[in-house]
Protein backbone atom coordinates (compact mmCIF):
# COMPACT_ATOMS: atom_id res chain seq x y z
CA MET A 1 -14.59 20.62 28.07
CA LYS A 2 -13.79 16.98 28.80
CA ILE A 3 -11.65 14.87 26.46
CA LEU A 4 -10.83 11.19 26.88
CA PHE A 5 -7.73 9.83 25.13
CA ALA A 6 -7.13 6.10 24.56
CA ALA A 7 -3.51 5.32 23.75
CA GLY A 8 -0.97 2.76 24.83
CA GLY A 9 1.56 0.08 24.14
CA THR A 10 4.32 1.97 22.36
CA GLY A 11 5.71 5.48 22.19
CA GLY A 12 4.44 5.68 18.62
CA HIS A 13 0.88 5.67 19.97
CA ILE A 14 1.41 7.56 23.22
CA ASN A 15 3.66 10.48 22.28
CA PRO A 16 1.41 11.87 19.50
CA ALA A 17 -1.56 11.67 21.86
CA LEU A 18 0.41 13.53 24.55
CA ALA A 19 1.42 16.20 22.03
CA VAL A 20 -2.21 16.81 21.07
CA ALA A 21 -3.37 16.76 24.69
CA GLY A 22 -0.68 19.31 25.50
CA GLU A 23 -1.85 21.55 22.64
CA ILE A 24 -5.44 21.41 23.90
CA ARG A 25 -4.33 22.13 27.48
CA ASP A 26 -2.34 25.14 26.28
CA ARG A 27 -5.40 26.53 24.51
CA TYR A 28 -7.90 25.64 27.22
CA PRO A 29 -6.21 25.46 30.65
CA ASP A 30 -9.51 24.48 32.28
CA ALA A 31 -10.08 21.51 29.99
CA GLU A 32 -10.35 18.15 31.77
CA ILE A 33 -8.26 15.48 30.06
CA LEU A 34 -8.15 11.81 31.00
CA PHE A 35 -6.02 9.06 29.45
CA VAL A 36 -6.95 5.37 29.41
CA GLY A 37 -4.18 2.81 29.08
CA THR A 38 -2.73 -0.27 30.74
CA LYS A 39 -0.82 -0.37 34.01
CA ASP A 40 2.19 -2.32 32.71
CA LYS A 41 3.09 -0.50 29.47
CA MET A 42 4.86 2.79 28.66
CA GLU A 43 1.75 4.91 29.11
CA ALA A 44 1.69 4.19 32.84
CA LYS A 45 4.87 6.27 33.18
CA LEU A 46 4.69 8.70 30.27
CA VAL A 47 1.17 10.01 30.84
CA PRO A 48 1.45 10.91 34.55
CA ALA A 49 4.92 12.36 33.87
CA ALA A 50 3.30 14.71 31.34
CA GLY A 51 0.85 15.88 34.00
CA PHE A 52 -2.33 14.19 32.79
CA ASP A 53 -4.82 12.08 34.73
CA PHE A 54 -4.55 8.38 33.96
CA THR A 55 -6.70 5.32 34.51
CA THR A 56 -6.33 1.73 33.35
CA ILE A 57 -8.13 -1.20 31.81
CA LYS A 58 -6.92 -4.78 31.53
CA ILE A 59 -6.29 -5.53 27.88
CA SER A 60 -3.57 -7.07 25.73
CA GLY A 61 -2.81 -7.62 22.08
CA PHE A 62 -2.95 -10.79 20.03
CA GLN A 63 0.30 -12.66 19.35
CA ARG A 64 0.67 -13.56 15.67
CA GLN A 65 3.34 -16.24 16.11
CA LEU A 66 1.47 -19.27 17.36
CA THR A 67 3.72 -20.87 19.95
CA PRO A 68 2.21 -22.74 22.93
CA GLU A 69 3.01 -19.75 25.14
CA ASN A 70 1.42 -17.30 22.71
CA ILE A 71 -1.71 -19.42 22.35
CA ILE A 72 -2.21 -19.10 26.11
CA ARG A 73 -1.64 -15.35 25.83
CA ASN A 74 -4.22 -15.11 23.05
CA ILE A 75 -6.79 -16.97 25.14
CA LYS A 76 -6.21 -14.41 27.90
CA THR A 77 -6.57 -11.59 25.37
CA VAL A 78 -9.96 -12.93 24.26
CA TRP A 79 -11.02 -13.08 27.90
CA TYR A 80 -9.89 -9.50 28.52
CA LEU A 81 -11.82 -8.31 25.47
CA LEU A 82 -14.96 -10.06 26.66
CA THR A 83 -14.72 -8.73 30.20
CA CYS A 84 -13.31 -5.21 29.93
CA GLY A 85 -16.52 -3.67 28.60
CA ARG A 86 -17.99 -3.08 32.06
CA ARG A 87 -14.83 -1.30 33.23
CA VAL A 88 -14.69 0.85 30.07
CA LYS A 89 -18.35 1.82 30.38
CA LYS A 90 -17.84 2.79 34.03
CA ILE A 91 -14.85 5.00 33.13
CA ILE A 92 -16.82 6.76 30.41
CA LYS A 93 -19.93 7.25 32.57
CA ASN A 94 -17.93 8.62 35.51
CA PHE A 95 -15.86 11.02 33.37
CA CYS A 96 -18.66 12.06 30.96
CA PRO A 97 -16.34 13.07 28.07
CA ASP A 98 -17.45 15.45 25.34
CA VAL A 99 -15.28 13.54 22.86
CA VAL A 100 -13.20 10.33 22.88
CA VAL A 101 -10.03 10.03 20.79
CA GLY A 102 -8.09 6.84 20.02
CA PHE A 103 -4.49 6.85 18.87
CA GLY A 104 -4.21 3.21 17.83
CA GLY A 105 -3.12 0.07 19.59
CA TYR A 106 -5.28 -2.47 21.36
CA VAL A 107 -6.22 -0.01 24.15
CA SER A 108 -8.13 2.15 21.69
CA GLY A 109 -10.44 -0.62 20.52
CA PRO A 110 -12.76 -1.21 23.49
CA VAL A 111 -12.70 2.44 24.64
CA VAL A 112 -13.56 4.09 21.33
CA ARG A 113 -16.02 1.35 20.41
CA MET A 114 -17.92 1.78 23.68
CA ALA A 115 -17.96 5.57 23.34
CA ALA A 116 -19.41 5.30 19.83
CA LYS A 117 -22.03 2.86 21.09
CA MET A 118 -22.96 5.36 23.82
CA GLY A 119 -23.44 8.15 21.27
CA ILE A 120 -20.37 10.17 22.30
CA PRO A 121 -18.43 11.92 19.50
CA THR A 122 -15.37 9.86 18.58
CA ALA A 123 -12.20 10.18 16.54
CA ILE A 124 -9.13 8.09 15.77
CA HIS A 125 -5.67 8.93 14.49
CA GLU A 126 -3.68 6.44 12.39
CA GLN A 127 0.09 6.87 12.51
CA ASN A 128 1.06 4.42 9.77
CA ALA A 129 0.59 4.34 6.01
CA TYR A 130 -0.93 0.87 6.43
CA PRO A 131 -3.54 0.97 9.23
CA GLY A 132 -3.58 -1.51 12.07
CA ILE A 133 -6.46 -3.91 12.67
CA THR A 134 -7.90 -1.84 15.51
CA ASN A 135 -8.18 1.34 13.46
CA LYS A 136 -9.47 -0.52 10.40
CA THR A 137 -12.38 -1.67 12.54
CA LEU A 138 -12.94 1.61 14.35
CA ALA A 139 -12.87 3.69 11.15
CA LYS A 140 -16.33 2.35 10.29
CA LEU A 141 -17.74 3.56 13.61
CA VAL A 142 -16.13 6.88 14.51
CA ASP A 143 -17.13 10.40 13.52
CA SER A 144 -13.65 11.43 12.36
CA VAL A 145 -10.65 9.54 10.99
CA MET A 146 -7.30 11.38 10.97
CA LEU A 147 -4.31 10.10 9.02
CA THR A 148 -0.58 10.69 9.08
CA ALA A 149 -0.29 9.67 5.43
CA GLY A 150 -2.94 9.89 2.75
CA GLU A 151 -1.91 6.45 1.49
CA ALA A 152 -3.73 4.88 4.45
CA GLU A 153 -7.14 5.95 3.14
CA LYS A 154 -7.37 3.17 0.56
CA TYR A 155 -7.23 0.55 3.32
CA LEU A 156 -10.10 2.04 5.32
CA SER A 157 -13.88 2.28 4.98
CA PRO A 158 -14.73 5.32 7.13
CA LYS A 159 -18.25 6.65 7.37
CA ASN A 160 -16.91 10.21 6.84
CA PRO A 161 -14.04 11.33 4.56
CA PRO A 162 -10.72 11.10 6.45
CA ILE A 163 -8.53 14.10 7.20
CA VAL A 164 -4.77 14.04 6.57
CA THR A 165 -3.17 15.78 9.54
CA GLY A 166 0.37 14.43 9.61
CA LEU A 167 1.98 13.21 12.82
CA PRO A 168 3.05 15.56 15.64
CA VAL A 169 6.79 16.14 15.88
CA ARG A 170 8.35 17.13 19.19
CA GLY A 171 8.87 20.86 19.62
CA GLU A 172 12.52 20.43 20.55
CA MET A 173 13.05 18.70 17.20
CA LEU A 174 11.52 21.61 15.28
CA ARG A 175 13.49 24.18 17.28
CA ALA A 176 16.90 22.49 16.88
CA ASP A 177 19.49 24.52 14.99
CA ARG A 178 21.67 22.53 12.58
CA ASP A 179 24.83 24.59 12.99
CA ILE A 180 24.61 24.67 16.78
CA SER A 181 23.92 20.92 16.90
CA ARG A 182 26.91 20.13 14.69
CA ALA A 183 29.19 22.30 16.82
CA GLU A 184 27.98 20.57 19.99
CA LEU A 185 28.65 17.16 18.44
CA GLY A 186 32.08 18.17 17.18
CA VAL A 187 31.24 17.72 13.49
CA LYS A 188 33.39 19.83 11.16
CA ASP A 189 31.91 22.08 8.49
CA ASN A 190 33.29 19.95 5.67
CA GLN A 191 32.01 16.66 7.10
CA LYS A 192 28.79 14.86 6.22
CA LEU A 193 27.23 13.42 9.37
CA VAL A 194 25.87 9.89 8.89
CA LEU A 195 23.36 9.11 11.65
CA SER A 196 22.37 5.44 11.99
CA MET A 197 20.27 3.56 14.53
CA GLY A 198 17.87 0.69 14.94
CA GLY A 199 15.87 1.66 18.02
CA SER A 200 16.46 1.24 21.74
CA LEU A 201 16.98 -2.51 21.47
CA GLY A 202 18.94 -2.31 18.25
CA ALA A 203 18.41 -3.92 14.85
CA ALA A 204 20.84 -6.65 13.82
CA THR A 205 20.51 -5.85 10.11
CA ILE A 206 21.32 -2.18 10.63
CA ASN A 207 24.18 -2.97 13.00
CA ASN A 208 25.72 -5.38 10.51
CA ALA A 209 25.20 -2.94 7.65
CA MET A 210 26.94 -0.15 9.54
CA LEU A 211 29.85 -2.42 10.45
CA ASP A 212 30.69 -2.64 6.77
CA ILE A 213 29.82 0.96 5.92
CA ILE A 214 31.96 2.39 8.71
CA ALA A 215 34.86 -0.02 8.20
CA ASP A 216 34.95 0.66 4.45
CA ASN A 217 34.58 4.45 4.65
CA CYS A 218 36.07 5.55 7.97
CA ASP A 219 39.30 6.84 6.39
CA ASP A 220 37.31 9.45 4.50
CA GLU A 221 37.69 12.50 6.75
CA ASN A 222 34.77 14.14 4.95
CA LEU A 223 32.44 11.67 6.69
CA TYR A 224 31.46 11.56 10.37
CA PHE A 225 29.67 8.46 11.64
CA LEU A 226 27.34 8.49 14.65
CA HIS A 227 25.85 5.05 15.24
CA ALA A 228 23.56 3.80 18.01
CA THR A 229 23.84 0.06 18.56
CA GLY A 230 20.87 -0.48 20.85
CA GLN A 231 20.80 -2.76 23.87
CA TYR A 232 21.42 -5.93 21.88
CA GLY A 233 24.25 -4.49 19.80
CA LEU A 234 26.88 -3.89 22.45
CA TRP A 235 29.22 -6.19 20.51
CA PHE A 236 29.46 -3.59 17.74
CA GLY A 237 32.69 -1.90 18.89
CA ASP A 238 34.58 -5.17 19.24
CA LYS A 239 33.42 -6.36 15.82
CA LEU A 240 34.49 -3.05 14.31
CA LYS A 241 37.97 -3.52 15.74
CA GLU A 242 38.08 -7.03 14.29
CA LYS A 243 37.54 -5.41 10.90
CA GLY A 244 40.60 -3.25 11.52
CA THR A 245 38.82 -0.05 12.61
CA ASP A 246 39.77 1.24 16.05
CA HIS A 247 36.84 3.60 16.50
CA GLU A 248 38.06 4.79 19.89
CA ASN A 249 41.02 6.44 18.21
CA LYS A 250 39.13 7.82 15.22
CA SER A 251 37.83 11.37 15.57
CA ASN A 252 35.12 10.85 12.95
CA ILE A 253 33.41 7.83 14.58
CA GLU A 254 31.11 7.91 17.60
CA ILE A 255 29.44 4.72 18.84
CA ARG A 256 26.64 4.89 21.41
CA GLU A 257 24.19 2.40 22.85
CA TYR A 258 21.27 4.81 22.66
CA ILE A 259 20.62 8.34 21.42
CA ASN A 260 18.95 10.44 24.10
CA ASP A 261 19.46 13.77 22.27
CA MET A 262 17.77 12.87 19.01
CA HIS A 263 16.82 16.48 18.30
CA ARG A 264 20.52 17.39 18.26
CA CYS A 265 21.67 14.38 16.24
CA MET A 266 18.85 14.48 13.70
CA SER A 267 19.15 18.20 13.08
CA ALA A 268 22.91 17.85 12.54
CA ALA A 269 22.68 14.85 10.19
CA ASP A 270 23.19 14.80 6.43
CA ILE A 271 22.25 11.14 5.94
CA VAL A 272 19.98 9.08 8.21
CA ILE A 273 19.94 5.26 8.16
CA CYS A 274 17.13 3.76 10.23
CA ARG A 275 13.93 1.74 10.46
CA ALA A 276 10.67 3.17 9.11
CA GLY A 277 8.59 3.84 12.19
CA ALA A 278 6.03 6.60 11.75
CA SER A 279 7.59 8.95 14.32
CA SER A 280 11.08 8.69 12.85
CA LEU A 281 9.78 9.37 9.35
CA SER A 282 7.84 12.40 10.51
CA GLU A 283 11.04 13.78 12.04
CA ILE A 284 12.99 13.06 8.85
CA GLN A 285 10.36 14.92 6.85
CA ALA A 286 10.08 17.85 9.26
CA LEU A 287 13.84 18.44 9.14
CA GLY A 288 14.23 17.59 5.47
CA LYS A 289 16.78 14.78 5.79
CA ALA A 290 17.99 12.32 3.15
CA SER A 291 17.52 8.79 4.43
CA ILE A 292 18.08 5.12 3.70
CA LEU A 293 15.20 3.18 5.23
CA ILE A 294 15.45 -0.47 6.22
CA PRO A 295 11.90 -1.35 7.33
CA SER A 296 11.47 -3.89 10.08
CA PRO A 297 9.77 -7.02 8.72
CA ASN A 298 8.75 -8.01 12.26
CA VAL A 299 5.83 -5.62 12.70
CA ALA A 300 2.09 -6.00 12.27
CA GLU A 301 0.85 -5.89 8.66
CA ASN A 302 4.41 -5.07 7.52
CA HIS A 303 3.40 -1.45 8.10
CA GLN A 304 6.97 -0.09 8.14
CA TYR A 305 7.37 -1.08 4.49
CA HIS A 306 4.26 0.90 3.61
CA ASN A 307 5.49 3.84 5.71
CA ALA A 308 8.79 3.82 3.83
CA MET A 309 7.17 3.54 0.40
CA ALA A 310 5.06 6.62 1.08
CA LEU A 311 8.37 8.54 0.99
CA VAL A 312 10.16 6.46 -1.63
CA ASN A 313 7.33 6.94 -4.15
CA LYS A 314 7.85 10.69 -3.90
CA GLY A 315 11.64 10.60 -4.13
CA ALA A 316 11.90 11.50 -0.44
CA ALA A 317 13.92 8.47 0.74
CA LEU A 318 15.77 5.36 -0.42
CA ILE A 319 14.75 1.88 0.71
CA LEU A 320 16.45 -1.47 1.18
CA GLU A 321 14.28 -4.32 2.44
CA GLU A 322 15.87 -6.95 4.65
CA LYS A 323 14.87 -9.75 2.29
CA GLU A 324 16.89 -8.05 -0.48
CA PHE A 325 19.77 -6.92 1.70
CA THR A 326 23.36 -7.39 0.59
CA LYS A 327 26.53 -5.56 1.54
CA GLU A 328 26.95 -4.43 -2.05
CA LYS A 329 23.43 -2.98 -2.32
CA MET A 330 23.84 -1.14 0.97
CA GLN A 331 27.19 0.31 -0.04
CA SER A 332 25.76 1.44 -3.38
CA LEU A 333 22.82 3.23 -1.76
CA PHE A 334 25.08 4.85 0.82
CA LEU A 335 27.54 6.15 -1.74
CA SER A 336 24.70 7.43 -3.94
CA LEU A 337 23.89 9.90 -1.17
CA ALA A 338 27.34 10.47 0.31
CA ALA A 339 29.10 11.12 -3.00
CA ASP A 340 26.32 12.82 -4.97
CA ASP A 341 25.40 16.15 -3.38
CA GLU A 342 22.82 16.91 -6.04
CA LYS A 343 20.95 13.66 -5.44
CA ARG A 344 21.12 14.08 -1.68
CA HIS A 345 19.74 17.60 -1.86
CA SER A 346 16.94 16.37 -4.12
CA VAL A 347 15.93 13.72 -1.58
CA GLU A 348 16.13 16.29 1.22
CA ALA A 349 13.85 18.68 -0.63
CA ALA A 350 11.31 15.95 -1.38
CA ALA A 351 11.25 14.88 2.26
CA LYS A 352 10.77 18.45 3.44
CA ALA A 353 7.92 18.94 0.96
CA MET A 354 6.07 16.04 2.64
CA SER A 355 6.33 17.46 6.15
CA THR A 356 3.40 18.72 8.20
CA VAL A 357 4.84 20.73 11.06
CA ASP A 358 1.45 21.83 12.43
CA ALA A 359 0.05 18.32 12.86
CA LYS A 360 -0.79 18.65 16.55
CA GLU A 361 -2.67 21.88 15.85
CA LYS A 362 -4.65 20.24 13.03
CA ILE A 363 -5.53 17.24 15.19
CA ALA A 364 -6.52 19.46 18.13
CA ASP A 365 -8.71 21.61 15.84
CA ASN A 366 -10.50 18.51 14.58
CA VAL A 367 -11.01 17.00 18.02
CA ILE A 368 -12.43 20.23 19.39
CA SER A 369 -14.75 20.62 16.38
CA LEU A 370 -16.43 17.33 17.29
CA ILE A 371 -17.62 18.60 20.66
CA LYS A 372 -21.36 19.24 20.50
């Protein structure tokens, strides 16, 4: 059995592919698995670290903001698209895969398209509720389309009915024990843990929102705040002190740059405030957490808004868009969860009901079924 995976660019594309590849390797230790990506993105480190063979093509994505620098980048992207076909065909011919699977991003495009052209069984997985351009195009060509959220189907024109599989969630996240995690973090039984973050770089809107939320509510000993500022939010602690909150001397406030034990923090949380990336939402659903989602407006096709609304429409999350953001609206949403246990539990239950904890198994089953 030989399986070729095309995934790259961001962890949101790579990690689900690695989870599925790992599931297949566990079932079939003799299976040959090869990843195709780029040499200068995350996949170049993550894939070999996971123990899978890795090869590269030269490809890049289009820049939507048309600055002089980005116009030059887009010209290069067109050139890469026109010239990478020979390299892709050589990779496929040399490896002779039984099936080729794309997990989104610009790497998937030329690889899956070439495999389909060569008559090799193909599949794609779409992480977001609003599909990206690459998967919209590929859906018309591939044998199987797999979706994280059923809402994505209405934006696609697949030749076969799509399959809703969910998105793989890390095993350590599913195995985390809430009580143990809270004890390790030092959260008391009577405290509600408020977990907030905006990604590794940080999100200015979320940082500013949490400045007010923490400053206004830090004297409530029934609340425990754990906030990750991100790389560009290192000013957060000083600003908090300017608002009269000395977080370093408050036992119910913890400020970090980055959260590297997300399984512990997420499992311990009562309220989560974050962006609406597909992976984060799958974790929120899997663990049944009440959340306030502030989708990033700076992503392709505004897909985080659509991701968030897939939960909001089912009562599984609250949303506050950046364009409608005010301190008062944020405070109101926060208190609606922090002060109303019944509402919070209702949101938790709705989120849990949306979870698919066997996503990697479903995706692996489907991929294997395509092998002739």
